[in-house]
Structures are given as C-alpha cells and as structure tokens.
Amino acid sequence: MSQHVQQAPFPGVFYRRSSPEADNFVEPGADVAAGDTIGLLEVMKQFFEVKADVAGRLLSFGVEDGDVVDAGQDIAVIDAGEAGA
C-alpha cells in the first residue's frame, strides 16, 4: 500500500464539484488516473482544476466542499497501489 497525499497547490476555496447542482468529480473509493480532476480551487473568482498527481484509489478527502485551504494543505489521500484492485 503506497499512499500519496494530494496537497493544495495554492490557497483558495476547495470545491468537490463544478456547481452546486453537479455531482462530485470523484467519490472516496473510486479509482482515479493521474491527471483526473478531483476538485476545484477558487481564487479571486477564478477556478482552477485540482488534478490527481498519481493513479490509484482515492481513499479520503481531508477537507469538505467549500472549505478554505492553505497552500500545501492535505486535501486528499490516494492509494497508488490500489487502482483497479
């Protein structure tokens, strides 16, 4: 089991979905590929995709939808050894 902690690249507001009516980009337990969008960061009314750094199974989020995050803050844990298991 090789866990990777995904961190916020810069401060902002973290969102797990593209709009209040949309489904979350990904749910805990789902497989993700490197480069898959797992959330958005809003900074000064601009939105930036947060993409998975590694492929694997997303185990958990360390922040909730709408939380303010700091640069380097842990936002998700991905098990790089579990993709497709």
N, C-alpha and C. Protein backbone atom coordinates (compact mmCIF):
# COMPACT_ATOMS: atom_id res chain seq x y z
N MET A 1 0.85 -1.18 0.00
CA MET A 1 0.00 0.00 0.00
C MET A 1 0.89 1.24 0.00
N SER A 2 0.77 2.02 -1.06
CA SER A 2 1.58 3.22 -1.21
C SER A 2 0.67 4.44 -1.24
N GLN A 3 0.55 5.10 -0.11
CA GLN A 3 -0.36 6.23 -0.02
C GLN A 3 0.32 7.53 -0.44
N HIS A 4 -0.41 8.28 -1.27
CA HIS A 4 0.06 9.59 -1.73
C HIS A 4 -0.90 10.64 -1.17
N VAL A 5 -0.36 11.66 -0.53
CA VAL A 5 -1.19 12.74 -0.02
C VAL A 5 -1.18 13.87 -1.03
N GLN A 6 -2.36 14.15 -1.57
CA GLN A 6 -2.54 15.25 -2.53
C GLN A 6 -2.66 16.54 -1.73
N GLN A 7 -1.89 17.55 -2.11
CA GLN A 7 -1.90 18.82 -1.39
C GLN A 7 -2.39 19.95 -2.28
N ALA A 8 -2.95 20.96 -1.64
CA ALA A 8 -3.41 22.13 -2.37
C ALA A 8 -2.19 22.87 -2.94
N PRO A 9 -2.19 23.20 -4.23
CA PRO A 9 -1.05 23.87 -4.82
C PRO A 9 -0.94 25.35 -4.42
N PHE A 10 -2.06 25.93 -3.99
CA PHE A 10 -2.09 27.33 -3.56
C PHE A 10 -3.33 27.52 -2.71
N PRO A 11 -3.42 28.64 -1.97
CA PRO A 11 -4.59 28.85 -1.12
C PRO A 11 -5.83 29.19 -1.94
N GLY A 12 -6.97 28.84 -1.40
CA GLY A 12 -8.24 29.15 -2.06
C GLY A 12 -9.38 28.41 -1.39
N VAL A 13 -10.51 28.37 -2.05
CA VAL A 13 -11.68 27.63 -1.57
C VAL A 13 -11.76 26.36 -2.40
N PHE A 14 -11.83 25.21 -1.73
CA PHE A 14 -11.85 23.92 -2.39
C PHE A 14 -13.28 23.47 -2.62
N TYR A 15 -13.56 23.04 -3.85
CA TYR A 15 -14.87 22.51 -4.20
C TYR A 15 -14.71 21.13 -4.80
N ARG A 16 -15.61 20.22 -4.42
CA ARG A 16 -15.56 18.85 -4.94
C ARG A 16 -16.41 18.67 -6.18
N ARG A 17 -17.11 19.73 -6.62
CA ARG A 17 -17.97 19.65 -7.80
C ARG A 17 -17.93 20.97 -8.55
N SER A 18 -18.35 20.94 -9.80
CA SER A 18 -18.24 22.12 -10.66
C SER A 18 -19.32 23.16 -10.41
N SER A 19 -20.44 22.75 -9.82
CA SER A 19 -21.51 23.67 -9.48
C SER A 19 -22.33 23.03 -8.36
N PRO A 20 -23.15 23.83 -7.67
CA PRO A 20 -23.95 23.25 -6.58
C PRO A 20 -24.89 22.13 -7.03
N GLU A 21 -25.31 22.13 -8.31
CA GLU A 21 -26.21 21.10 -8.81
C GLU A 21 -25.48 19.87 -9.35
N ALA A 22 -24.20 19.97 -9.58
CA ALA A 22 -23.44 18.89 -10.20
C ALA A 22 -23.04 17.82 -9.18
N ASP A 23 -22.77 16.62 -9.69
CA ASP A 23 -22.21 15.56 -8.86
C ASP A 23 -20.76 15.88 -8.54
N ASN A 24 -20.25 15.27 -7.47
CA ASN A 24 -18.83 15.42 -7.14
C ASN A 24 -17.99 14.85 -8.28
N PHE A 25 -16.81 15.43 -8.48
CA PHE A 25 -15.90 14.92 -9.51
C PHE A 25 -15.56 13.46 -9.25
N VAL A 26 -15.31 13.13 -8.00
CA VAL A 26 -14.93 11.76 -7.63
C VAL A 26 -15.33 11.54 -6.17
N GLU A 27 -15.67 10.29 -5.87
CA GLU A 27 -16.05 9.91 -4.51
C GLU A 27 -14.95 9.05 -3.90
N PRO A 28 -14.80 9.08 -2.58
CA PRO A 28 -13.86 8.17 -1.93
C PRO A 28 -14.18 6.72 -2.32
N GLY A 29 -13.14 5.96 -2.59
CA GLY A 29 -13.29 4.58 -3.02
C GLY A 29 -13.21 4.39 -4.52
N ALA A 30 -13.29 5.49 -5.26
CA ALA A 30 -13.23 5.41 -6.72
C ALA A 30 -11.78 5.41 -7.20
N ASP A 31 -11.57 4.74 -8.34
CA ASP A 31 -10.25 4.77 -8.98
C ASP A 31 -10.08 6.09 -9.72
N VAL A 32 -8.87 6.62 -9.68
CA VAL A 32 -8.53 7.84 -10.43
C VAL A 32 -7.26 7.58 -11.22
N ALA A 33 -7.17 8.24 -12.36
CA ALA A 33 -5.94 8.21 -13.16
C ALA A 33 -5.18 9.49 -12.87
N ALA A 34 -3.87 9.44 -13.04
CA ALA A 34 -3.09 10.66 -12.90
C ALA A 34 -3.63 11.68 -13.89
N GLY A 35 -3.91 12.88 -13.41
CA GLY A 35 -4.45 13.92 -14.27
C GLY A 35 -5.96 14.06 -14.21
N ASP A 36 -6.65 13.12 -13.55
CA ASP A 36 -8.10 13.25 -13.38
C ASP A 36 -8.41 14.42 -12.45
N THR A 37 -9.45 15.15 -12.75
CA THR A 37 -9.88 16.25 -11.88
C THR A 37 -10.55 15.68 -10.65
N ILE A 38 -10.07 16.09 -9.47
CA ILE A 38 -10.69 15.64 -8.22
C ILE A 38 -11.37 16.80 -7.49
N GLY A 39 -11.14 18.02 -7.94
CA GLY A 39 -11.77 19.17 -7.30
C GLY A 39 -11.38 20.45 -8.01
N LEU A 40 -11.86 21.55 -7.46
CA LEU A 40 -11.55 22.89 -7.98
C LEU A 40 -11.07 23.75 -6.83
N LEU A 41 -10.18 24.69 -7.15
CA LEU A 41 -9.78 25.72 -6.20
C LEU A 41 -10.21 27.06 -6.77
N GLU A 42 -10.93 27.82 -5.97
CA GLU A 42 -11.36 29.16 -6.37
C GLU A 42 -10.44 30.19 -5.73
N VAL A 43 -9.92 31.06 -6.56
CA VAL A 43 -9.07 32.16 -6.10
C VAL A 43 -9.52 33.42 -6.83
N MET A 44 -10.00 34.38 -6.10
CA MET A 44 -10.42 35.67 -6.67
C MET A 44 -11.39 35.46 -7.84
N LYS A 45 -12.40 34.62 -7.61
CA LYS A 45 -13.47 34.35 -8.58
C LYS A 45 -12.99 33.61 -9.84
N GLN A 46 -11.79 33.06 -9.79
CA GLN A 46 -11.29 32.21 -10.87
C GLN A 46 -11.17 30.79 -10.33
N PHE A 47 -11.49 29.82 -11.19
CA PHE A 47 -11.49 28.42 -10.78
C PHE A 47 -10.37 27.67 -11.49
N PHE A 48 -9.66 26.86 -10.72
CA PHE A 48 -8.54 26.07 -11.23
C PHE A 48 -8.77 24.61 -10.85
N GLU A 49 -8.61 23.70 -11.82
CA GLU A 49 -8.79 22.29 -11.55
C GLU A 49 -7.66 21.75 -10.69
N VAL A 50 -8.03 20.91 -9.72
CA VAL A 50 -7.06 20.16 -8.92
C VAL A 50 -7.06 18.77 -9.50
N LYS A 51 -5.93 18.35 -10.04
CA LYS A 51 -5.83 17.06 -10.72
C LYS A 51 -5.03 16.08 -9.86
N ALA A 52 -5.42 14.82 -9.93
CA ALA A 52 -4.71 13.77 -9.19
C ALA A 52 -3.26 13.71 -9.66
N ASP A 53 -2.35 13.68 -8.72
CA ASP A 53 -0.92 13.58 -9.03
C ASP A 53 -0.52 12.17 -9.46
N VAL A 54 -1.26 11.17 -8.95
CA VAL A 54 -0.93 9.77 -9.22
C VAL A 54 -2.20 8.99 -9.52
N ALA A 55 -2.04 7.84 -10.14
CA ALA A 55 -3.16 6.93 -10.35
C ALA A 55 -3.33 6.06 -9.12
N GLY A 56 -4.57 5.69 -8.83
CA GLY A 56 -4.83 4.83 -7.69
C GLY A 56 -6.27 4.94 -7.24
N ARG A 57 -6.53 4.52 -6.02
CA ARG A 57 -7.87 4.61 -5.44
C ARG A 57 -7.90 5.78 -4.46
N LEU A 58 -8.84 6.68 -4.68
CA LEU A 58 -8.98 7.82 -3.76
C LEU A 58 -9.57 7.30 -2.46
N LEU A 59 -8.80 7.40 -1.39
CA LEU A 59 -9.22 6.85 -0.10
C LEU A 59 -10.10 7.82 0.67
N SER A 60 -9.71 9.11 0.70
CA SER A 60 -10.46 10.07 1.51
C SER A 60 -10.09 11.49 1.13
N PHE A 61 -10.98 12.38 1.52
CA PHE A 61 -10.70 13.82 1.42
C PHE A 61 -10.41 14.34 2.82
N GLY A 62 -9.45 15.25 2.92
CA GLY A 62 -9.10 15.85 4.20
C GLY A 62 -9.82 17.16 4.43
N VAL A 63 -10.57 17.61 3.43
CA VAL A 63 -11.32 18.86 3.55
C VAL A 63 -12.71 18.64 2.98
N GLU A 64 -13.63 19.50 3.36
CA GLU A 64 -15.00 19.41 2.89
C GLU A 64 -15.22 20.37 1.72
N ASP A 65 -16.28 20.14 0.99
CA ASP A 65 -16.68 21.02 -0.11
C ASP A 65 -16.92 22.41 0.46
N GLY A 66 -16.25 23.41 -0.11
CA GLY A 66 -16.41 24.79 0.33
C GLY A 66 -15.44 25.24 1.40
N ASP A 67 -14.53 24.35 1.83
CA ASP A 67 -13.53 24.72 2.84
C ASP A 67 -12.46 25.63 2.26
N VAL A 68 -12.00 26.57 3.05
CA VAL A 68 -10.85 27.40 2.70
C VAL A 68 -9.59 26.58 3.01
N VAL A 69 -8.68 26.50 2.05
CA VAL A 69 -7.45 25.73 2.25
C VAL A 69 -6.23 26.62 2.05
N ASP A 70 -5.14 26.23 2.68
CA ASP A 70 -3.86 26.91 2.53
C ASP A 70 -2.99 26.15 1.54
N ALA A 71 -2.03 26.82 0.96
CA ALA A 71 -1.07 26.15 0.09
C ALA A 71 -0.37 25.05 0.86
N GLY A 72 -0.28 23.87 0.28
CA GLY A 72 0.38 22.75 0.92
C GLY A 72 -0.49 21.96 1.88
N GLN A 73 -1.74 22.39 2.07
CA GLN A 73 -2.64 21.66 2.96
C GLN A 73 -3.06 20.35 2.31
N ASP A 74 -3.14 19.28 3.10
CA ASP A 74 -3.57 17.98 2.61
C ASP A 74 -5.06 18.06 2.24
N ILE A 75 -5.38 17.67 1.01
CA ILE A 75 -6.78 17.70 0.60
C ILE A 75 -7.33 16.31 0.29
N ALA A 76 -6.48 15.35 -0.06
CA ALA A 76 -6.96 14.00 -0.38
C ALA A 76 -5.83 13.00 -0.21
N VAL A 77 -6.23 11.74 -0.02
CA VAL A 77 -5.28 10.64 0.08
C VAL A 77 -5.61 9.65 -1.02
N ILE A 78 -4.61 9.30 -1.82
CA ILE A 78 -4.77 8.33 -2.91
C ILE A 78 -3.84 7.17 -2.66
N ASP A 79 -4.41 5.95 -2.71
CA ASP A 79 -3.61 4.73 -2.56
C ASP A 79 -3.12 4.34 -3.95
N ALA A 80 -1.87 4.62 -4.23
CA ALA A 80 -1.30 4.38 -5.55
C ALA A 80 -1.17 2.88 -5.85
N GLY A 81 -1.30 2.02 -4.89
CA GLY A 81 -1.18 0.60 -5.11
C GLY A 81 -2.52 -0.10 -5.28
N GLU A 82 -3.63 0.65 -5.30
CA GLU A 82 -4.94 0.03 -5.30
C GLU A 82 -5.76 0.23 -6.57
N ALA A 83 -5.26 0.92 -7.56
CA ALA A 83 -6.05 1.18 -8.77
C ALA A 83 -6.45 -0.13 -9.43
N GLY A 84 -7.74 -0.27 -9.70
CA GLY A 84 -8.23 -1.45 -10.38
C GLY A 84 -8.25 -2.71 -9.55
N ALA A 85 -7.95 -2.61 -8.26
CA ALA A 85 -7.93 -3.79 -7.40
C ALA A 85 -9.33 -4.25 -7.05
